[in-house]
Amino acid sequence: MAKVKICGITRSEALEASLAAGASYAGFVFYDRSPRALKRANARRLVNQAKGKIETVGLMVNPAESFVEEILFELPLDVIQLHGEETPAFCAWLRERHGVKICKSFPIESAKDFEWAQEYEEAIDLALFDAKPPKGSELPGGNAVPFDWRLVAGYTAFCPWMLAGGLTPQNVAEAIALTGAEIVDVSSGVESQRGVKDLDKIAAFCQAAGAQG
C-alpha cells in the first residue's frame, strides 16, 4: 500500500476522480512548456476546489524567486515541487520564508545519482526519484519513462520519498513491492492522451497502489 500523487491535473473532473479514488496529493503544473501547464485562473479554481481535501502540490522548473512568491501569494499550495537544478540554499530559503513544504525531484539513472540528493538533507521535506528524461525532451518529468527500480530498492532516505517515472495501473503494484515506496507519483500513466487525464485510469491506479488517502 502506498499514498498516491496524481500530477498534472488540469480539469475539475480529474481532481474529483483523484479525491474519490483516495489520492493523497494533487499536482498542478506551473511550467509553460508542459502540456499540463495551467493558466492562472484555472489554477486558482482547482486549488481552491482541492483546499482542505487533499494536499496541493505546485510543480515548477527552475523558477525565479519572484515567480514562486507570486504563485504562493495567490494560491494556498501545501507543497512546492522543484523539478530543475534548484540548489539546496534555494529550497531552504523557500521553505523558511513561506512555511511551505519542499519536494525536490532527482533524476535517477545509476546508483551514483542518489549522492546529489544527500546534499539536500537540511533543505527539503520530500524527495522525488524519477527517470532521467530522454535526450531532446523539453520536459524534466511526465515522459512515461521508468528507471531501474532495483536502484532504489531498500534505499533509506533522510526524508519521505516518492517514486515516479513510467508508472501505470498495470505496474505500480510491482513497483511498490520491489522498492518499498510509500508514495507513488503518476501523470502520463493515467492519461488517455498527452495532458488529458483518464478518470478510469486514475481509479485503477489508486486501487492498484492501495491508496491510503
N, C-alpha and C. Protein backbone atom coordinates (compact mmCIF):
# COMPACT_ATOMS: atom_id res chain seq x y z
N MET A 1 0.83 -1.19 0.00
CA MET A 1 0.00 0.00 0.00
C MET A 1 0.87 1.25 0.00
N ALA A 2 0.41 2.26 -0.72
CA ALA A 2 1.17 3.50 -0.80
C ALA A 2 0.23 4.68 -0.98
N LYS A 3 0.69 5.83 -0.59
CA LYS A 3 -0.04 7.04 -0.90
C LYS A 3 0.18 7.36 -2.38
N VAL A 4 -0.78 8.10 -2.97
CA VAL A 4 -0.72 8.38 -4.40
C VAL A 4 -0.76 9.89 -4.64
N LYS A 5 0.07 10.32 -5.56
CA LYS A 5 0.02 11.69 -6.06
C LYS A 5 -0.37 11.63 -7.53
N ILE A 6 -1.47 12.29 -7.88
CA ILE A 6 -1.87 12.43 -9.27
C ILE A 6 -1.38 13.80 -9.73
N CYS A 7 -0.45 13.82 -10.65
CA CYS A 7 0.18 15.07 -11.07
C CYS A 7 -0.33 15.50 -12.45
N GLY A 8 -0.26 16.80 -12.68
CA GLY A 8 -0.66 17.33 -13.97
C GLY A 8 -2.16 17.43 -14.15
N ILE A 9 -2.87 17.66 -13.05
CA ILE A 9 -4.33 17.80 -13.12
C ILE A 9 -4.67 19.15 -13.76
N THR A 10 -5.57 19.12 -14.74
CA THR A 10 -5.96 20.35 -15.43
C THR A 10 -7.47 20.58 -15.43
N ARG A 11 -8.22 19.57 -15.01
CA ARG A 11 -9.67 19.67 -15.08
C ARG A 11 -10.30 19.27 -13.76
N SER A 12 -11.45 19.88 -13.48
CA SER A 12 -12.17 19.63 -12.23
C SER A 12 -12.53 18.17 -12.07
N GLU A 13 -12.96 17.53 -13.16
CA GLU A 13 -13.39 16.14 -13.05
C GLU A 13 -12.23 15.20 -12.72
N ALA A 14 -11.03 15.55 -13.18
CA ALA A 14 -9.86 14.74 -12.83
C ALA A 14 -9.51 14.90 -11.35
N LEU A 15 -9.66 16.10 -10.83
CA LEU A 15 -9.44 16.32 -9.41
C LEU A 15 -10.46 15.55 -8.58
N GLU A 16 -11.72 15.61 -8.98
CA GLU A 16 -12.76 14.89 -8.25
C GLU A 16 -12.52 13.38 -8.30
N ALA A 17 -12.07 12.87 -9.44
CA ALA A 17 -11.76 11.45 -9.56
C ALA A 17 -10.61 11.06 -8.63
N SER A 18 -9.62 11.94 -8.52
CA SER A 18 -8.47 11.69 -7.63
C SER A 18 -8.92 11.65 -6.17
N LEU A 19 -9.79 12.57 -5.80
CA LEU A 19 -10.33 12.59 -4.44
C LEU A 19 -11.13 11.32 -4.15
N ALA A 20 -11.99 10.96 -5.09
CA ALA A 20 -12.85 9.79 -4.90
C ALA A 20 -12.04 8.49 -4.80
N ALA A 21 -10.90 8.45 -5.49
CA ALA A 21 -10.09 7.23 -5.51
C ALA A 21 -9.15 7.12 -4.32
N GLY A 22 -9.07 8.18 -3.52
CA GLY A 22 -8.24 8.12 -2.32
C GLY A 22 -6.82 8.65 -2.47
N ALA A 23 -6.56 9.43 -3.52
CA ALA A 23 -5.23 10.02 -3.69
C ALA A 23 -4.93 10.98 -2.53
N SER A 24 -3.67 11.10 -2.20
CA SER A 24 -3.24 11.96 -1.10
C SER A 24 -2.73 13.31 -1.55
N TYR A 25 -2.27 13.39 -2.81
CA TYR A 25 -1.70 14.62 -3.34
C TYR A 25 -2.27 14.91 -4.73
N ALA A 26 -2.54 16.18 -4.98
CA ALA A 26 -2.95 16.64 -6.31
C ALA A 26 -1.89 17.60 -6.83
N GLY A 27 -1.33 17.28 -7.99
CA GLY A 27 -0.24 18.09 -8.54
C GLY A 27 -0.72 19.00 -9.66
N PHE A 28 -0.28 20.26 -9.61
CA PHE A 28 -0.63 21.26 -10.61
C PHE A 28 0.66 21.84 -11.19
N VAL A 29 0.71 21.93 -12.51
CA VAL A 29 1.95 22.27 -13.20
C VAL A 29 2.01 23.76 -13.55
N PHE A 30 3.09 24.39 -13.14
CA PHE A 30 3.35 25.79 -13.47
C PHE A 30 4.66 25.87 -14.27
N TYR A 31 4.60 25.29 -15.44
CA TYR A 31 5.76 25.23 -16.34
C TYR A 31 5.22 25.30 -17.75
N ASP A 32 5.46 26.41 -18.43
CA ASP A 32 4.78 26.71 -19.69
C ASP A 32 5.03 25.68 -20.79
N ARG A 33 6.15 24.98 -20.76
CA ARG A 33 6.45 24.03 -21.82
C ARG A 33 5.68 22.71 -21.69
N SER A 34 5.06 22.52 -20.56
CA SER A 34 4.33 21.28 -20.33
C SER A 34 2.94 21.32 -20.94
N PRO A 35 2.46 20.20 -21.50
CA PRO A 35 1.08 20.15 -22.00
C PRO A 35 0.07 20.18 -20.85
N ARG A 36 0.56 20.09 -19.63
CA ARG A 36 -0.30 20.11 -18.45
C ARG A 36 -0.24 21.45 -17.71
N ALA A 37 0.42 22.43 -18.31
CA ALA A 37 0.55 23.74 -17.67
C ALA A 37 -0.81 24.41 -17.51
N LEU A 38 -0.97 25.09 -16.38
CA LEU A 38 -2.25 25.73 -16.07
C LEU A 38 -2.19 27.24 -16.29
N LYS A 39 -3.28 27.77 -16.81
CA LYS A 39 -3.48 29.20 -16.78
C LYS A 39 -3.80 29.59 -15.34
N ARG A 40 -3.47 30.81 -14.98
CA ARG A 40 -3.61 31.21 -13.59
C ARG A 40 -5.04 31.09 -13.06
N ALA A 41 -6.02 31.49 -13.85
CA ALA A 41 -7.41 31.43 -13.39
C ALA A 41 -7.86 30.00 -13.15
N ASN A 42 -7.45 29.08 -14.03
CA ASN A 42 -7.79 27.68 -13.86
C ASN A 42 -7.10 27.09 -12.64
N ALA A 43 -5.85 27.49 -12.44
CA ALA A 43 -5.12 27.01 -11.26
C ALA A 43 -5.80 27.46 -9.98
N ARG A 44 -6.23 28.71 -9.95
CA ARG A 44 -6.90 29.24 -8.76
C ARG A 44 -8.18 28.44 -8.46
N ARG A 45 -8.93 28.15 -9.51
CA ARG A 45 -10.18 27.41 -9.33
C ARG A 45 -9.92 25.99 -8.81
N LEU A 46 -8.94 25.32 -9.39
CA LEU A 46 -8.65 23.94 -8.99
C LEU A 46 -8.07 23.86 -7.58
N VAL A 47 -7.15 24.74 -7.27
CA VAL A 47 -6.52 24.71 -5.94
C VAL A 47 -7.56 25.02 -4.87
N ASN A 48 -8.43 25.95 -5.12
CA ASN A 48 -9.49 26.26 -4.16
C ASN A 48 -10.46 25.09 -4.02
N GLN A 49 -10.72 24.40 -5.12
CA GLN A 49 -11.57 23.22 -5.09
C GLN A 49 -10.95 22.11 -4.24
N ALA A 50 -9.62 22.02 -4.28
CA ALA A 50 -8.91 20.96 -3.57
C ALA A 50 -8.61 21.29 -2.11
N LYS A 51 -8.64 22.55 -1.77
CA LYS A 51 -8.21 23.01 -0.44
C LYS A 51 -8.95 22.28 0.67
N GLY A 52 -8.18 21.75 1.60
CA GLY A 52 -8.74 21.07 2.75
C GLY A 52 -9.15 19.63 2.49
N LYS A 53 -9.08 19.18 1.24
CA LYS A 53 -9.49 17.82 0.89
C LYS A 53 -8.30 16.93 0.53
N ILE A 54 -7.22 17.54 0.08
CA ILE A 54 -6.07 16.81 -0.42
C ILE A 54 -4.88 17.77 -0.41
N GLU A 55 -3.68 17.26 -0.24
CA GLU A 55 -2.52 18.15 -0.26
C GLU A 55 -2.26 18.63 -1.69
N THR A 56 -2.10 19.92 -1.85
CA THR A 56 -1.91 20.51 -3.17
C THR A 56 -0.44 20.78 -3.42
N VAL A 57 0.01 20.40 -4.61
CA VAL A 57 1.43 20.48 -4.98
C VAL A 57 1.57 21.32 -6.24
N GLY A 58 2.42 22.32 -6.20
CA GLY A 58 2.71 23.14 -7.37
C GLY A 58 4.06 22.77 -7.95
N LEU A 59 4.06 22.26 -9.18
CA LEU A 59 5.30 21.83 -9.83
C LEU A 59 5.90 22.98 -10.64
N MET A 60 7.18 23.26 -10.41
CA MET A 60 7.88 24.34 -11.11
C MET A 60 9.26 23.84 -11.53
N VAL A 61 9.82 24.50 -12.55
CA VAL A 61 11.13 24.12 -13.06
C VAL A 61 12.03 25.35 -13.10
N ASN A 62 13.06 25.35 -12.26
CA ASN A 62 14.00 26.47 -12.17
C ASN A 62 13.28 27.82 -12.09
N PRO A 63 12.33 27.96 -11.16
CA PRO A 63 11.58 29.21 -11.11
C PRO A 63 12.38 30.34 -10.48
N ALA A 64 12.08 31.55 -10.89
CA ALA A 64 12.63 32.73 -10.23
C ALA A 64 11.96 32.89 -8.87
N GLU A 65 12.66 33.48 -7.93
CA GLU A 65 12.09 33.70 -6.60
C GLU A 65 10.78 34.48 -6.71
N SER A 66 10.77 35.48 -7.57
CA SER A 66 9.58 36.32 -7.70
C SER A 66 8.39 35.53 -8.21
N PHE A 67 8.64 34.56 -9.09
CA PHE A 67 7.55 33.74 -9.63
C PHE A 67 6.94 32.88 -8.53
N VAL A 68 7.78 32.24 -7.72
CA VAL A 68 7.27 31.40 -6.64
C VAL A 68 6.47 32.24 -5.66
N GLU A 69 6.99 33.40 -5.31
CA GLU A 69 6.29 34.27 -4.37
C GLU A 69 4.94 34.71 -4.92
N GLU A 70 4.89 34.98 -6.20
CA GLU A 70 3.64 35.40 -6.84
C GLU A 70 2.60 34.28 -6.79
N ILE A 71 3.04 33.07 -7.09
CA ILE A 71 2.13 31.92 -7.07
C ILE A 71 1.62 31.68 -5.65
N LEU A 72 2.52 31.70 -4.67
CA LEU A 72 2.12 31.41 -3.30
C LEU A 72 1.25 32.52 -2.72
N PHE A 73 1.41 33.72 -3.20
CA PHE A 73 0.57 34.83 -2.75
C PHE A 73 -0.88 34.62 -3.21
N GLU A 74 -1.02 34.04 -4.41
CA GLU A 74 -2.35 33.83 -5.00
C GLU A 74 -2.99 32.50 -4.61
N LEU A 75 -2.16 31.47 -4.41
CA LEU A 75 -2.69 30.11 -4.27
C LEU A 75 -2.22 29.46 -2.97
N PRO A 76 -3.14 28.87 -2.22
CA PRO A 76 -2.77 28.23 -0.95
C PRO A 76 -2.20 26.82 -1.14
N LEU A 77 -1.04 26.74 -1.79
CA LEU A 77 -0.41 25.45 -2.04
C LEU A 77 0.23 24.91 -0.77
N ASP A 78 0.19 23.60 -0.62
CA ASP A 78 0.81 22.96 0.54
C ASP A 78 2.28 22.60 0.29
N VAL A 79 2.59 22.26 -0.96
CA VAL A 79 3.92 21.78 -1.33
C VAL A 79 4.37 22.45 -2.62
N ILE A 80 5.64 22.83 -2.68
CA ILE A 80 6.25 23.25 -3.94
C ILE A 80 7.19 22.14 -4.39
N GLN A 81 6.95 21.63 -5.60
CA GLN A 81 7.79 20.57 -6.16
C GLN A 81 8.72 21.18 -7.20
N LEU A 82 10.00 21.06 -6.97
CA LEU A 82 11.01 21.68 -7.83
C LEU A 82 11.64 20.62 -8.71
N HIS A 83 11.55 20.84 -10.02
CA HIS A 83 11.92 19.80 -10.99
C HIS A 83 13.11 20.20 -11.85
N GLY A 84 13.88 21.19 -11.40
CA GLY A 84 15.02 21.62 -12.20
C GLY A 84 16.33 21.42 -11.46
N GLU A 85 17.19 22.41 -11.51
CA GLU A 85 18.50 22.34 -10.87
C GLU A 85 18.58 23.29 -9.68
N GLU A 86 17.48 23.42 -8.99
CA GLU A 86 17.42 24.30 -7.84
C GLU A 86 18.42 23.85 -6.76
N THR A 87 19.06 24.79 -6.12
CA THR A 87 20.10 24.48 -5.13
C THR A 87 19.49 24.20 -3.76
N PRO A 88 20.25 23.55 -2.88
CA PRO A 88 19.77 23.38 -1.51
C PRO A 88 19.46 24.71 -0.84
N ALA A 89 20.27 25.72 -1.11
CA ALA A 89 20.05 27.03 -0.50
C ALA A 89 18.71 27.62 -0.94
N PHE A 90 18.39 27.47 -2.22
CA PHE A 90 17.12 27.99 -2.73
C PHE A 90 15.95 27.25 -2.08
N CYS A 91 16.05 25.93 -1.98
CA CYS A 91 14.99 25.13 -1.37
C CYS A 91 14.78 25.54 0.09
N ALA A 92 15.89 25.68 0.82
CA ALA A 92 15.79 26.05 2.23
C ALA A 92 15.21 27.44 2.39
N TRP A 93 15.57 28.35 1.50
CA TRP A 93 15.05 29.72 1.56
C TRP A 93 13.54 29.72 1.35
N LEU A 94 13.05 28.97 0.37
CA LEU A 94 11.62 28.91 0.10
C LEU A 94 10.86 28.37 1.30
N ARG A 95 11.39 27.32 1.87
CA ARG A 95 10.70 26.68 3.00
C ARG A 95 10.63 27.61 4.20
N GLU A 96 11.73 28.28 4.47
CA GLU A 96 11.78 29.16 5.64
C GLU A 96 10.93 30.42 5.44
N ARG A 97 11.00 30.99 4.26
CA ARG A 97 10.30 32.25 4.00
C ARG A 97 8.79 32.08 3.93
N HIS A 98 8.35 30.97 3.33
CA HIS A 98 6.92 30.82 3.05
C HIS A 98 6.24 29.74 3.89
N GLY A 99 6.99 28.99 4.67
CA GLY A 99 6.38 27.97 5.51
C GLY A 99 5.69 26.88 4.71
N VAL A 100 6.23 26.59 3.53
CA VAL A 100 5.65 25.59 2.64
C VAL A 100 6.58 24.38 2.57
N LYS A 101 6.00 23.20 2.40
CA LYS A 101 6.83 22.01 2.24
C LYS A 101 7.52 22.05 0.88
N ILE A 102 8.74 21.52 0.83
CA ILE A 102 9.50 21.49 -0.42
C ILE A 102 9.76 20.04 -0.82
N CYS A 103 9.40 19.74 -2.07
CA CYS A 103 9.70 18.44 -2.69
C CYS A 103 10.70 18.69 -3.81
N LYS A 104 11.81 17.98 -3.80
CA LYS A 104 12.82 18.15 -4.85
C LYS A 104 12.90 16.87 -5.67
N SER A 105 12.88 17.03 -6.98
CA SER A 105 12.99 15.90 -7.89
C SER A 105 14.45 15.60 -8.20
N PHE A 106 14.77 14.30 -8.22
CA PHE A 106 16.13 13.85 -8.56
C PHE A 106 16.04 12.81 -9.67
N PRO A 107 16.55 13.12 -10.87
CA PRO A 107 16.54 12.15 -11.97
C PRO A 107 17.56 11.04 -11.71
N ILE A 108 17.11 9.80 -11.84
CA ILE A 108 17.94 8.65 -11.49
C ILE A 108 18.26 7.82 -12.73
N GLU A 109 19.53 7.55 -12.89
CA GLU A 109 19.99 6.64 -13.95
C GLU A 109 20.92 5.57 -13.41
N SER A 110 21.64 5.92 -12.34
CA SER A 110 22.55 4.98 -11.70
C SER A 110 22.57 5.25 -10.20
N ALA A 111 23.16 4.34 -9.45
CA ALA A 111 23.20 4.48 -8.00
C ALA A 111 23.92 5.77 -7.58
N LYS A 112 24.84 6.22 -8.39
CA LYS A 112 25.59 7.43 -8.07
C LYS A 112 24.69 8.66 -7.99
N ASP A 113 23.58 8.64 -8.69
CA ASP A 113 22.69 9.80 -8.72
C ASP A 113 22.07 10.11 -7.37
N PHE A 114 22.05 9.14 -6.48
CA PHE A 114 21.50 9.38 -5.14
C PHE A 114 22.41 10.29 -4.31
N GLU A 115 23.67 10.40 -4.69
CA GLU A 115 24.59 11.25 -3.95
C GLU A 115 24.15 12.71 -3.99
N TRP A 116 23.59 13.12 -5.12
CA TRP A 116 23.11 14.50 -5.26
C TRP A 116 22.02 14.79 -4.23
N ALA A 117 21.15 13.82 -4.01
CA ALA A 117 20.05 14.02 -3.08
C ALA A 117 20.53 14.29 -1.66
N GLN A 118 21.64 13.67 -1.28
CA GLN A 118 22.14 13.84 0.09
C GLN A 118 22.47 15.29 0.41
N GLU A 119 22.79 16.08 -0.61
CA GLU A 119 23.14 17.49 -0.39
C GLU A 119 21.95 18.31 0.10
N TYR A 120 20.73 17.76 -0.03
CA TYR A 120 19.51 18.50 0.29
C TYR A 120 18.92 18.10 1.64
N GLU A 121 19.68 17.37 2.43
CA GLU A 121 19.14 16.80 3.66
C GLU A 121 18.50 17.84 4.58
N GLU A 122 19.08 19.02 4.68
CA GLU A 122 18.57 20.05 5.58
C GLU A 122 17.62 21.02 4.88
N ALA A 123 17.28 20.76 3.62
CA ALA A 123 16.58 21.78 2.83
C ALA A 123 15.21 21.37 2.32
N ILE A 124 14.88 20.07 2.36
CA ILE A 124 13.62 19.63 1.74
C ILE A 124 12.83 18.72 2.69
N ASP A 125 11.55 18.56 2.35
CA ASP A 125 10.66 17.71 3.14
C ASP A 125 10.33 16.40 2.45
N LEU A 126 10.42 16.40 1.12
CA LEU A 126 10.12 15.23 0.31
C LEU A 126 11.13 15.14 -0.83
N ALA A 127 11.52 13.92 -1.17
CA ALA A 127 12.36 13.69 -2.35
C ALA A 127 11.52 12.93 -3.38
N LEU A 128 11.76 13.22 -4.64
CA LEU A 128 11.07 12.52 -5.73
C LEU A 128 12.12 11.89 -6.63
N PHE A 129 12.10 10.59 -6.73
CA PHE A 129 13.04 9.88 -7.59
C PHE A 129 12.34 9.53 -8.89
N ASP A 130 12.83 10.10 -9.98
CA ASP A 130 12.20 9.99 -11.29
C ASP A 130 13.25 9.53 -12.30
N ALA A 131 12.80 9.10 -13.45
CA ALA A 131 13.73 8.71 -14.51
C ALA A 131 14.33 9.95 -15.17
N LYS A 132 15.55 9.83 -15.63
CA LYS A 132 16.13 10.91 -16.41
C LYS A 132 15.35 11.04 -17.71
N PRO A 133 15.06 12.27 -18.13
CA PRO A 133 14.27 12.44 -19.36
C PRO A 133 15.04 11.98 -20.58
N PRO A 134 14.34 11.52 -21.62
CA PRO A 134 15.02 11.12 -22.86
C PRO A 134 15.76 12.31 -23.46
N LYS A 135 16.80 12.04 -24.21
CA LYS A 135 17.55 13.10 -24.87
C LYS A 135 16.63 13.90 -25.80
N GLY A 136 16.72 15.21 -25.71
CA GLY A 136 15.91 16.07 -26.55
C GLY A 136 14.57 16.43 -25.98
N SER A 137 14.21 15.82 -24.83
CA SER A 137 12.92 16.12 -24.23
C SER A 137 12.94 17.50 -23.59
N GLU A 138 11.84 18.24 -23.75
CA GLU A 138 11.72 19.55 -23.12
C GLU A 138 11.17 19.44 -21.70
N LEU A 139 10.70 18.26 -21.34
CA LEU A 139 10.08 18.07 -20.04
C LEU A 139 11.01 17.30 -19.10
N PRO A 140 11.20 17.80 -17.88
CA PRO A 140 12.04 17.08 -16.92
C PRO A 140 11.34 15.88 -16.30
N GLY A 141 10.01 15.79 -16.47
CA GLY A 141 9.24 14.68 -15.95
C GLY A 141 7.99 14.50 -16.78
N GLY A 142 7.19 13.48 -16.43
CA GLY A 142 5.96 13.24 -17.17
C GLY A 142 6.20 12.69 -18.55
N ASN A 143 7.30 11.94 -18.72
CA ASN A 143 7.67 11.41 -20.03
C ASN A 143 7.34 9.93 -20.21
N ALA A 144 6.68 9.34 -19.22
CA ALA A 144 6.30 7.92 -19.28
C ALA A 144 7.50 7.00 -19.39
N VAL A 145 8.63 7.41 -18.77
CA VAL A 145 9.86 6.62 -18.84
C VAL A 145 10.22 6.13 -17.44
N PRO A 146 10.36 4.82 -17.24
CA PRO A 146 10.78 4.31 -15.93
C PRO A 146 12.30 4.26 -15.82
N PHE A 147 12.79 4.12 -14.60
CA PHE A 147 14.20 3.79 -14.41
C PHE A 147 14.28 2.42 -13.75
N ASP A 148 15.48 1.93 -13.55
CA ASP A 148 15.66 0.61 -12.95
C ASP A 148 15.28 0.69 -11.47
N TRP A 149 14.09 0.19 -11.13
CA TRP A 149 13.61 0.30 -9.76
C TRP A 149 14.51 -0.40 -8.76
N ARG A 150 15.32 -1.33 -9.20
CA ARG A 150 16.21 -2.02 -8.26
C ARG A 150 17.21 -1.06 -7.62
N LEU A 151 17.44 0.08 -8.28
CA LEU A 151 18.38 1.06 -7.73
C LEU A 151 17.89 1.65 -6.42
N VAL A 152 16.58 1.74 -6.27
CA VAL A 152 16.03 2.37 -5.08
C VAL A 152 15.50 1.35 -4.07
N ALA A 153 15.53 0.08 -4.42
CA ALA A 153 15.04 -0.97 -3.52
C ALA A 153 15.84 -0.95 -2.22
N GLY A 154 15.14 -0.79 -1.12
CA GLY A 154 15.81 -0.79 0.18
C GLY A 154 16.51 0.51 0.51
N TYR A 155 16.34 1.55 -0.32
CA TYR A 155 17.01 2.83 -0.07
C TYR A 155 16.47 3.49 1.19
N THR A 156 17.36 3.91 2.05
CA THR A 156 16.98 4.62 3.27
C THR A 156 17.26 6.10 3.07
N ALA A 157 16.20 6.87 2.95
CA ALA A 157 16.35 8.29 2.68
C ALA A 157 16.30 9.08 3.98
N PHE A 158 16.75 10.33 3.92
CA PHE A 158 16.73 11.21 5.09
C PHE A 158 15.37 11.86 5.27
N CYS A 159 14.47 11.66 4.30
CA CYS A 159 13.12 12.21 4.39
C CYS A 159 12.19 11.30 3.59
N PRO A 160 10.88 11.45 3.71
CA PRO A 160 9.97 10.66 2.88
C PRO A 160 10.25 10.88 1.40
N TRP A 161 10.01 9.83 0.58
CA TRP A 161 10.31 9.97 -0.84
C TRP A 161 9.20 9.36 -1.69
N MET A 162 9.09 9.92 -2.90
CA MET A 162 8.12 9.44 -3.88
C MET A 162 8.84 8.73 -5.01
N LEU A 163 8.17 7.74 -5.58
CA LEU A 163 8.67 7.06 -6.77
C LEU A 163 7.86 7.52 -7.98
N ALA A 164 8.55 7.89 -9.05
CA ALA A 164 7.88 8.35 -10.27
C ALA A 164 8.62 7.79 -11.48
N GLY A 165 7.99 7.97 -12.64
CA GLY A 165 8.65 7.57 -13.88
C GLY A 165 8.06 6.32 -14.50
N GLY A 166 7.16 6.48 -15.45
CA GLY A 166 6.64 5.34 -16.18
C GLY A 166 5.67 4.46 -15.41
N LEU A 167 5.14 4.95 -14.31
CA LEU A 167 4.19 4.15 -13.53
C LEU A 167 2.82 4.14 -14.21
N THR A 168 2.16 3.01 -14.13
CA THR A 168 0.83 2.81 -14.73
C THR A 168 -0.02 1.97 -13.78
N PRO A 169 -1.31 1.87 -14.04
CA PRO A 169 -2.13 0.95 -13.22
C PRO A 169 -1.64 -0.49 -13.30
N GLN A 170 -0.99 -0.85 -14.39
CA GLN A 170 -0.53 -2.22 -14.59
C GLN A 170 0.77 -2.56 -13.85
N ASN A 171 1.61 -1.57 -13.60
CA ASN A 171 2.91 -1.89 -13.00
C ASN A 171 3.14 -1.29 -11.62
N VAL A 172 2.22 -0.47 -11.12
CA VAL A 172 2.50 0.24 -9.88
C VAL A 172 2.60 -0.70 -8.68
N ALA A 173 1.79 -1.74 -8.63
CA ALA A 173 1.88 -2.68 -7.51
C ALA A 173 3.25 -3.36 -7.48
N GLU A 174 3.74 -3.73 -8.64
CA GLU A 174 5.08 -4.35 -8.72
C GLU A 174 6.15 -3.36 -8.27
N ALA A 175 6.02 -2.11 -8.69
CA ALA A 175 6.99 -1.09 -8.32
C ALA A 175 7.03 -0.88 -6.82
N ILE A 176 5.87 -0.85 -6.19
CA ILE A 176 5.80 -0.67 -4.74
C ILE A 176 6.42 -1.87 -4.03
N ALA A 177 6.09 -3.07 -4.50
CA ALA A 177 6.62 -4.28 -3.87
C ALA A 177 8.14 -4.36 -3.97
N LEU A 178 8.68 -3.92 -5.09
CA LEU A 178 10.12 -4.01 -5.32
C LEU A 178 10.89 -2.94 -4.57
N THR A 179 10.35 -1.73 -4.53
CA THR A 179 11.10 -0.60 -3.97
C THR A 179 10.76 -0.27 -2.53
N GLY A 180 9.58 -0.66 -2.08
CA GLY A 180 9.14 -0.25 -0.76
C GLY A 180 8.66 1.19 -0.72
N ALA A 181 8.38 1.77 -1.87
CA ALA A 181 7.93 3.16 -1.93
C ALA A 181 6.65 3.35 -1.12
N GLU A 182 6.62 4.41 -0.32
CA GLU A 182 5.45 4.73 0.46
C GLU A 182 4.56 5.75 -0.23
N ILE A 183 5.10 6.40 -1.27
CA ILE A 183 4.35 7.36 -2.06
C ILE A 183 4.71 7.13 -3.53
N VAL A 184 3.70 7.08 -4.40
CA VAL A 184 3.95 6.95 -5.84
C VAL A 184 3.29 8.13 -6.57
N ASP A 185 3.97 8.58 -7.62
CA ASP A 185 3.59 9.79 -8.34
C ASP A 185 3.36 9.43 -9.81
N VAL A 186 2.17 9.77 -10.32
CA VAL A 186 1.85 9.42 -11.71
C VAL A 186 1.27 10.61 -12.43
N SER A 187 1.58 10.71 -13.72
CA SER A 187 0.99 11.75 -14.58
C SER A 187 0.56 11.12 -15.90
N SER A 188 1.52 10.87 -16.78
CA SER A 188 1.19 10.33 -18.10
C SER A 188 0.57 8.93 -18.01
N GLY A 189 0.87 8.18 -16.97
CA GLY A 189 0.36 6.82 -16.83
C GLY A 189 -1.13 6.73 -16.58
N VAL A 190 -1.77 7.88 -16.31
CA VAL A 190 -3.24 7.88 -16.12
C VAL A 190 -3.88 8.86 -17.10
N GLU A 191 -3.32 8.92 -18.31
CA GLU A 191 -3.86 9.81 -19.33
C GLU A 191 -4.37 9.03 -20.53
N SER A 192 -5.42 9.56 -21.16
CA SER A 192 -5.95 8.99 -22.39
C SER A 192 -5.20 9.54 -23.60
N GLN A 193 -4.68 10.74 -23.45
CA GLN A 193 -3.78 11.36 -24.42
C GLN A 193 -2.94 12.37 -23.67
N ARG A 194 -1.89 12.82 -24.30
CA ARG A 194 -0.93 13.67 -23.61
C ARG A 194 -1.62 14.89 -22.99
N GLY A 195 -1.56 14.99 -21.68
CA GLY A 195 -2.14 16.13 -21.00
C GLY A 195 -3.59 15.99 -20.60
N VAL A 196 -4.22 14.87 -20.94
CA VAL A 196 -5.65 14.67 -20.64
C VAL A 196 -5.80 13.45 -19.73
N LYS A 197 -6.22 13.68 -18.51
CA LYS A 197 -6.37 12.59 -17.54
C LYS A 197 -7.58 11.71 -17.87
N ASP A 198 -7.41 10.41 -17.66
CA ASP A 198 -8.45 9.42 -17.86
C ASP A 198 -9.00 9.04 -16.48
N LEU A 199 -10.27 9.28 -16.24
CA LEU A 199 -10.84 9.08 -14.92
C LEU A 199 -10.80 7.63 -14.48
N ASP A 200 -11.03 6.71 -15.41
CA ASP A 200 -10.98 5.28 -15.08
C ASP A 200 -9.56 4.85 -14.72
N LYS A 201 -8.59 5.41 -15.42
CA LYS A 201 -7.19 5.06 -15.12
C LYS A 201 -6.75 5.61 -13.77
N ILE A 202 -7.25 6.77 -13.40
CA ILE A 202 -6.95 7.32 -12.07
C ILE A 202 -7.47 6.36 -11.00
N ALA A 203 -8.71 5.92 -11.16
CA ALA A 203 -9.30 4.99 -10.20
C ALA A 203 -8.53 3.67 -10.15
N ALA A 204 -8.16 3.16 -11.31
CA ALA A 204 -7.44 1.88 -11.38
C ALA A 204 -6.06 2.00 -10.76
N PHE A 205 -5.39 3.12 -10.99
CA PHE A 205 -4.05 3.31 -10.43
C PHE A 205 -4.10 3.36 -8.91
N CYS A 206 -5.02 4.15 -8.39
CA CYS A 206 -5.14 4.28 -6.93
C CYS A 206 -5.49 2.93 -6.29
N GLN A 207 -6.37 2.17 -6.94
CA GLN A 207 -6.73 0.86 -6.41
C GLN A 207 -5.53 -0.08 -6.42
N ALA A 208 -4.78 -0.08 -7.52
CA ALA A 208 -3.61 -0.96 -7.62
C ALA A 208 -2.53 -0.60 -6.61
N ALA A 209 -2.42 0.70 -6.31
CA ALA A 209 -1.41 1.16 -5.33
C ALA A 209 -1.87 0.97 -3.90
N GLY A 210 -3.15 0.65 -3.72
CA GLY A 210 -3.70 0.54 -2.38
C GLY A 210 -3.74 1.89 -1.69
N ALA A 211 -4.19 2.90 -2.43
CA ALA A 211 -4.16 4.30 -1.98
C ALA A 211 -4.69 4.43 -0.57
N GLN A 212 -3.94 5.16 0.25
CA GLN A 212 -4.28 5.30 1.66
C GLN A 212 -5.09 6.56 1.94
N GLY A 213 -5.22 7.45 0.95
CA GLY A 213 -5.98 8.66 1.14
C GLY A 213 -5.30 9.63 2.09
